[in-house]
Amino acid sequence: MRQLIWQKSSFSGDEANCIEIASVDDRVYIRESDDPTTIVTTTPTTLAAWLHSARTGEFDHFVEA
């Protein structure tokens, strides 16, 4: 496997606690910057489906008080 080059959103600024993402071949890797040893692996297709669902509000009930 090639070396992972992690990227975080520019929205995060200098915050230490943010989500980082890397991609190699047909895999996408996601981690939190404050716990870089825990990595979630998925595919671009699955990530795209999840992002679409997040944008349409499917997961909003998890964060609403």
PDB file of N, CA and C in Angstrom:
ATOM      1  N   MET A   1       0.842  -1.180   0.000  1.00  0.00           N
ATOM      2  CA  MET A   1       0.000   0.000   0.000  1.00  0.00           C
ATOM      3  C   MET A   1       0.887   1.242   0.000  1.00  0.00           C
ATOM      4  N   ARG A   2       0.479   2.231  -0.765  1.00  0.00           N
ATOM      5  CA  ARG A   2       1.203   3.496  -0.791  1.00  0.00           C
ATOM      6  C   ARG A   2       0.960   4.272   0.499  1.00  0.00           C
ATOM      7  N   GLN A   3       1.811   5.256   0.738  1.00  0.00           N
ATOM      8  CA  GLN A   3       1.692   6.084   1.938  1.00  0.00           C
ATOM      9  C   GLN A   3       0.411   6.908   1.879  1.00  0.00           C
ATOM     10  N   LEU A   4      -0.261   6.991   3.022  1.00  0.00           N
ATOM     11  CA  LEU A   4      -1.471   7.797   3.104  1.00  0.00           C
ATOM     12  C   LEU A   4      -1.092   9.255   3.311  1.00  0.00           C
ATOM     13  N   ILE A   5      -1.674  10.133   2.506  1.00  0.00           N
ATOM     14  CA  ILE A   5      -1.482  11.569   2.658  1.00  0.00           C
ATOM     15  C   ILE A   5      -2.809  12.126   3.156  1.00  0.00           C
ATOM     16  N   TRP A   6      -2.827  12.507   4.431  1.00  0.00           N
ATOM     17  CA  TRP A   6      -4.051  12.939   5.096  1.00  0.00           C
ATOM     18  C   TRP A   6      -4.382  14.382   4.756  1.00  0.00           C
ATOM     19  N   GLN A   7      -5.672  14.634   4.565  1.00  0.00           N
ATOM     20  CA  GLN A   7      -6.166  15.978   4.260  1.00  0.00           C
ATOM     21  C   GLN A   7      -7.313  16.288   5.204  1.00  0.00           C
ATOM     22  N   LYS A   8      -7.338  17.545   5.688  1.00  0.00           N
ATOM     23  CA  LYS A   8      -8.479  17.960   6.495  1.00  0.00           C
ATOM     24  C   LYS A   8      -9.142  19.142   5.815  1.00  0.00           C
ATOM     25  N   SER A   9     -10.357  19.386   6.161  1.00  0.00           N
ATOM     26  CA  SER A   9     -11.109  20.482   5.576  1.00  0.00           C
ATOM     27  C   SER A   9     -10.506  21.819   5.979  1.00  0.00           C
ATOM     28  N   SER A  10     -10.497  22.745   5.059  1.00  0.00           N
ATOM     29  CA  SER A  10     -10.031  24.093   5.392  1.00  0.00           C
ATOM     30  C   SER A  10     -10.971  24.744   6.402  1.00  0.00           C
ATOM     31  N   PHE A  11     -12.194  24.242   6.509  1.00  0.00           N
ATOM     32  CA  PHE A  11     -13.163  24.729   7.490  1.00  0.00           C
ATOM     33  C   PHE A  11     -12.667  24.486   8.912  1.00  0.00           C
ATOM     34  N   SER A  12     -11.833  23.460   9.091  1.00  0.00           N
ATOM     35  CA  SER A  12     -11.311  23.112  10.418  1.00  0.00           C
ATOM     36  C   SER A  12     -10.313  24.129  10.932  1.00  0.00           C
ATOM     37  N   GLY A  13      -9.686  24.872  10.050  1.00  0.00           N
ATOM     38  CA  GLY A  13      -8.672  25.838  10.469  1.00  0.00           C
ATOM     39  C   GLY A  13      -7.545  25.155  11.208  1.00  0.00           C
ATOM     40  N   ASP A  14      -7.153  25.711  12.342  1.00  0.00           N
ATOM     41  CA  ASP A  14      -6.071  25.134  13.141  1.00  0.00           C
ATOM     42  C   ASP A  14      -6.580  24.225  14.244  1.00  0.00           C
ATOM     43  N   GLU A  15      -7.853  23.907  14.232  1.00  0.00           N
ATOM     44  CA  GLU A  15      -8.419  23.036  15.263  1.00  0.00           C
ATOM     45  C   GLU A  15      -7.699  21.693  15.262  1.00  0.00           C
ATOM     46  N   ALA A  16      -7.402  21.197  16.438  1.00  0.00           N
ATOM     47  CA  ALA A  16      -6.724  19.908  16.564  1.00  0.00           C
ATOM     48  C   ALA A  16      -7.717  18.759  16.417  1.00  0.00           C
ATOM     49  N   ASN A  17      -8.974  19.006  16.705  1.00  0.00           N
ATOM     50  CA  ASN A  17      -9.985  17.962  16.694  1.00  0.00           C
ATOM     51  C   ASN A  17     -10.815  18.079  15.415  1.00  0.00           C
ATOM     52  N   CYS A  18     -10.398  17.359  14.383  1.00  0.00           N
ATOM     53  CA  CYS A  18     -11.125  17.415  13.119  1.00  0.00           C
ATOM     54  C   CYS A  18     -11.035  16.064  12.415  1.00  0.00           C
ATOM     55  N   ILE A  19     -11.825  15.908  11.395  1.00  0.00           N
ATOM     56  CA  ILE A  19     -11.810  14.689  10.595  1.00  0.00           C
ATOM     57  C   ILE A  19     -10.794  14.858   9.472  1.00  0.00           C
ATOM     58  N   GLU A  20     -10.002  13.819   9.242  1.00  0.00           N
ATOM     59  CA  GLU A  20      -9.030  13.809   8.155  1.00  0.00           C
ATOM     60  C   GLU A  20      -9.366  12.656   7.220  1.00  0.00           C
ATOM     61  N   ILE A  21      -9.044  12.822   5.951  1.00  0.00           N
ATOM     62  CA  ILE A  21      -9.380  11.808   4.957  1.00  0.00           C
ATOM     63  C   ILE A  21      -8.191  11.588   4.029  1.00  0.00           C
ATOM     64  N   ALA A  22      -8.006  10.348   3.615  1.00  0.00           N
ATOM     65  CA  ALA A  22      -6.957   9.994   2.661  1.00  0.00           C
ATOM     66  C   ALA A  22      -7.530   8.960   1.702  1.00  0.00           C
ATOM     67  N   SER A  23      -6.929   8.861   0.538  1.00  0.00           N
ATOM     68  CA  SER A  23      -7.411   7.904  -0.456  1.00  0.00           C
ATOM     69  C   SER A  23      -6.226   7.252  -1.151  1.00  0.00           C
ATOM     70  N   VAL A  24      -6.280   5.935  -1.265  1.00  0.00           N
ATOM     71  CA  VAL A  24      -5.274   5.175  -1.990  1.00  0.00           C
ATOM     72  C   VAL A  24      -6.006   4.088  -2.771  1.00  0.00           C
ATOM     73  N   ASP A  25      -5.717   4.041  -4.060  1.00  0.00           N
ATOM     74  CA  ASP A  25      -6.356   3.074  -4.940  1.00  0.00           C
ATOM     75  C   ASP A  25      -7.877   3.190  -4.832  1.00  0.00           C
ATOM     76  N   ASP A  26      -8.563   2.118  -4.498  1.00  0.00           N
ATOM     77  CA  ASP A  26     -10.030   2.148  -4.405  1.00  0.00           C
ATOM     78  C   ASP A  26     -10.517   2.148  -2.965  1.00  0.00           C
ATOM     79  N   ARG A  27      -9.737   2.708  -2.065  1.00  0.00           N
ATOM     80  CA  ARG A  27     -10.113   2.763  -0.654  1.00  0.00           C
ATOM     81  C   ARG A  27     -10.032   4.196  -0.160  1.00  0.00           C
ATOM     82  N   VAL A  28     -10.930   4.544   0.757  1.00  0.00           N
ATOM     83  CA  VAL A  28     -10.928   5.850   1.410  1.00  0.00           C
ATOM     84  C   VAL A  28     -10.733   5.596   2.899  1.00  0.00           C
ATOM     85  N   TYR A  29      -9.852   6.366   3.515  1.00  0.00           N
ATOM     86  CA  TYR A  29      -9.529   6.220   4.928  1.00  0.00           C
ATOM     87  C   TYR A  29      -9.948   7.491   5.662  1.00  0.00           C
ATOM     88  N   ILE A  30     -10.607   7.320   6.803  1.00  0.00           N
ATOM     89  CA  ILE A  30     -11.108   8.451   7.578  1.00  0.00           C
ATOM     90  C   ILE A  30     -10.651   8.274   9.023  1.00  0.00           C
ATOM     91  N   ARG A  31     -10.187   9.362   9.634  1.00  0.00           N
ATOM     92  CA  ARG A  31      -9.767   9.312  11.032  1.00  0.00           C
ATOM     93  C   ARG A  31     -10.025  10.664  11.684  1.00  0.00           C
ATOM     94  N   GLU A  32     -10.009  10.672  13.011  1.00  0.00           N
ATOM     95  CA  GLU A  32     -10.051  11.921  13.775  1.00  0.00           C
ATOM     96  C   GLU A  32      -8.617  12.307  14.102  1.00  0.00           C
ATOM     97  N   SER A  33      -8.307  13.583  13.953  1.00  0.00           N
ATOM     98  CA  SER A  33      -6.929  14.008  14.167  1.00  0.00           C
ATOM     99  C   SER A  33      -6.463  13.814  15.607  1.00  0.00           C
ATOM    100  N   ASP A  34      -7.391  13.852  16.561  1.00  0.00           N
ATOM    101  CA  ASP A  34      -6.979  13.667  17.957  1.00  0.00           C
ATOM    102  C   ASP A  34      -6.852  12.195  18.344  1.00  0.00           C
ATOM    103  N   ASP A  35      -7.222  11.275  17.456  1.00  0.00           N
ATOM    104  CA  ASP A  35      -7.032   9.833  17.670  1.00  0.00           C
ATOM    105  C   ASP A  35      -6.648   9.188  16.346  1.00  0.00           C
ATOM    106  N   PRO A  36      -5.459   9.459  15.840  1.00  0.00           N
ATOM    107  CA  PRO A  36      -5.079   9.002  14.505  1.00  0.00           C
ATOM    108  C   PRO A  36      -4.867   7.498  14.369  1.00  0.00           C
ATOM    109  N   THR A  37      -4.922   6.758  15.467  1.00  0.00           N
ATOM    110  CA  THR A  37      -4.720   5.314  15.365  1.00  0.00           C
ATOM    111  C   THR A  37      -6.002   4.572  14.986  1.00  0.00           C
ATOM    112  N   THR A  38      -7.152   5.206  15.154  1.00  0.00           N
ATOM    113  CA  THR A  38      -8.428   4.591  14.779  1.00  0.00           C
ATOM    114  C   THR A  38      -8.807   5.096  13.395  1.00  0.00           C
ATOM    115  N   ILE A  39      -8.842   4.174  12.433  1.00  0.00           N
ATOM    116  CA  ILE A  39      -9.090   4.539  11.045  1.00  0.00           C
ATOM    117  C   ILE A  39     -10.262   3.731  10.513  1.00  0.00           C
ATOM    118  N   VAL A  40     -11.208   4.417   9.898  1.00  0.00           N
ATOM    119  CA  VAL A  40     -12.341   3.771   9.231  1.00  0.00           C
ATOM    120  C   VAL A  40     -12.006   3.690   7.748  1.00  0.00           C
ATOM    121  N   THR A  41     -12.226   2.526   7.164  1.00  0.00           N
ATOM    122  CA  THR A  41     -11.943   2.319   5.747  1.00  0.00           C
ATOM    123  C   THR A  41     -13.246   2.070   5.010  1.00  0.00           C
ATOM    124  N   THR A  42     -13.394   2.700   3.838  1.00  0.00           N
ATOM    125  CA  THR A  42     -14.596   2.526   3.033  1.00  0.00           C
ATOM    126  C   THR A  42     -14.227   2.648   1.560  1.00  0.00           C
ATOM    127  N   THR A  43     -15.226   2.664   0.718  1.00  0.00           N
ATOM    128  CA  THR A  43     -15.003   2.843  -0.715  1.00  0.00           C
ATOM    129  C   THR A  43     -15.514   4.223  -1.135  1.00  0.00           C
ATOM    130  N   PRO A  44     -15.041   4.741  -2.249  1.00  0.00           N
ATOM    131  CA  PRO A  44     -15.561   6.027  -2.722  1.00  0.00           C
ATOM    132  C   PRO A  44     -17.077   6.002  -2.940  1.00  0.00           C
ATOM    133  N   THR A  45     -17.620   4.913  -3.420  1.00  0.00           N
ATOM    134  CA  THR A  45     -19.057   4.808  -3.667  1.00  0.00           C
ATOM    135  C   THR A  45     -19.844   4.868  -2.363  1.00  0.00           C
ATOM    136  N   THR A  46     -19.403   4.150  -1.361  1.00  0.00           N
ATOM    137  CA  THR A  46     -20.081   4.146  -0.072  1.00  0.00           C
ATOM    138  C   THR A  46     -19.974   5.505   0.603  1.00  0.00           C
ATOM    139  N   LEU A  47     -18.806   6.135   0.529  1.00  0.00           N
ATOM    140  CA  LEU A  47     -18.636   7.461   1.107  1.00  0.00           C
ATOM    141  C   LEU A  47     -19.547   8.470   0.409  1.00  0.00           C
ATOM    142  N   ALA A  48     -19.647   8.393  -0.907  1.00  0.00           N
ATOM    143  CA  ALA A  48     -20.520   9.310  -1.651  1.00  0.00           C
ATOM    144  C   ALA A  48     -21.971   9.141  -1.226  1.00  0.00           C
ATOM    145  N   ALA A  49     -22.415   7.904  -1.016  1.00  0.00           N
ATOM    146  CA  ALA A  49     -23.788   7.648  -0.576  1.00  0.00           C
ATOM    147  C   ALA A  49     -24.013   8.206   0.824  1.00  0.00           C
ATOM    148  N   TRP A  50     -23.044   8.031   1.712  1.00  0.00           N
ATOM    149  CA  TRP A  50     -23.168   8.552   3.074  1.00  0.00           C
ATOM    150  C   TRP A  50     -23.214  10.079   3.063  1.00  0.00           C
ATOM    151  N   LEU A  51     -22.335  10.708   2.291  1.00  0.00           N
ATOM    152  CA  LEU A  51     -22.329  12.171   2.206  1.00  0.00           C
ATOM    153  C   LEU A  51     -23.646  12.702   1.657  1.00  0.00           C
ATOM    154  N   HIS A  52     -24.191  12.029   0.662  1.00  0.00           N
ATOM    155  CA  HIS A  52     -25.493  12.429   0.115  1.00  0.00           C
ATOM    156  C   HIS A  52     -26.567  12.370   1.206  1.00  0.00           C
ATOM    157  N   SER A  53     -26.573  11.288   1.964  1.00  0.00           N
ATOM    158  CA  SER A  53     -27.552  11.146   3.047  1.00  0.00           C
ATOM    159  C   SER A  53     -27.365  12.220   4.107  1.00  0.00           C
ATOM    160  N   ALA A  54     -26.121  12.545   4.428  1.00  0.00           N
ATOM    161  CA  ALA A  54     -25.856  13.595   5.418  1.00  0.00           C
ATOM    162  C   ALA A  54     -26.342  14.949   4.913  1.00  0.00           C
ATOM    163  N   ARG A  55     -26.104  15.218   3.638  1.00  0.00           N
ATOM    164  CA  ARG A  55     -26.542  16.505   3.066  1.00  0.00           C
ATOM    165  C   ARG A  55     -28.059  16.640   3.049  1.00  0.00           C
ATOM    166  N   THR A  56     -28.760  15.534   2.903  1.00  0.00           N
ATOM    167  CA  THR A  56     -30.226  15.599   2.834  1.00  0.00           C
ATOM    168  C   THR A  56     -30.881  15.507   4.205  1.00  0.00           C
ATOM    169  N   GLY A  57     -30.072  15.421   5.267  1.00  0.00           N
ATOM    170  CA  GLY A  57     -30.604  15.472   6.622  1.00  0.00           C
ATOM    171  C   GLY A  57     -30.983  14.144   7.230  1.00  0.00           C
ATOM    172  N   GLU A  58     -30.598  13.052   6.597  1.00  0.00           N
ATOM    173  CA  GLU A  58     -30.983  11.736   7.100  1.00  0.00           C
ATOM    174  C   GLU A  58     -30.465  11.449   8.509  1.00  0.00           C
ATOM    175  N   PHE A  59     -29.364  12.067   8.904  1.00  0.00           N
ATOM    176  CA  PHE A  59     -28.761  11.796  10.202  1.00  0.00           C
ATOM    177  C   PHE A  59     -28.959  12.929  11.205  1.00  0.00           C
ATOM    178  N   ASP A  60     -29.759  13.915  10.854  1.00  0.00           N
ATOM    179  CA  ASP A  60     -29.955  15.078  11.718  1.00  0.00           C
ATOM    180  C   ASP A  60     -30.479  14.717  13.113  1.00  0.00           C
ATOM    181  N   HIS A  61     -31.234  13.649  13.218  1.00  0.00           N
ATOM    182  CA  HIS A  61     -31.791  13.292  14.527  1.00  0.00           C
ATOM    183  C   HIS A  61     -30.709  12.895  15.540  1.00  0.00           C
ATOM    184  N   PHE A  62     -29.499  12.592  15.071  1.00  0.00           N
ATOM    185  CA  PHE A  62     -28.415  12.263  15.991  1.00  0.00           C
ATOM    186  C   PHE A  62     -27.847  13.498  16.683  1.00  0.00           C
ATOM    187  N   VAL A  63     -28.014  14.672  16.089  1.00  0.00           N
ATOM    188  CA  VAL A  63     -27.419  15.880  16.651  1.00  0.00           C
ATOM    189  C   VAL A  63     -28.441  16.889  17.156  1.00  0.00           C
ATOM    190  N   GLU A  64     -29.699  16.636  16.935  1.00  0.00           N
ATOM    191  CA  GLU A  64     -30.719  17.561  17.433  1.00  0.00           C
ATOM    192  C   GLU A  64     -30.983  17.323  18.906  1.00  0.00           C
ATOM    193  N   ALA A  65     -31.129  18.400  19.632  1.00  0.00           N
ATOM    194  CA  ALA A  65     -31.359  18.284  21.077  1.00  0.00           C
ATOM    195  C   ALA A  65     -32.842  18.151  21.379  1.00  0.00           C
TER     196      ALA A  65
END
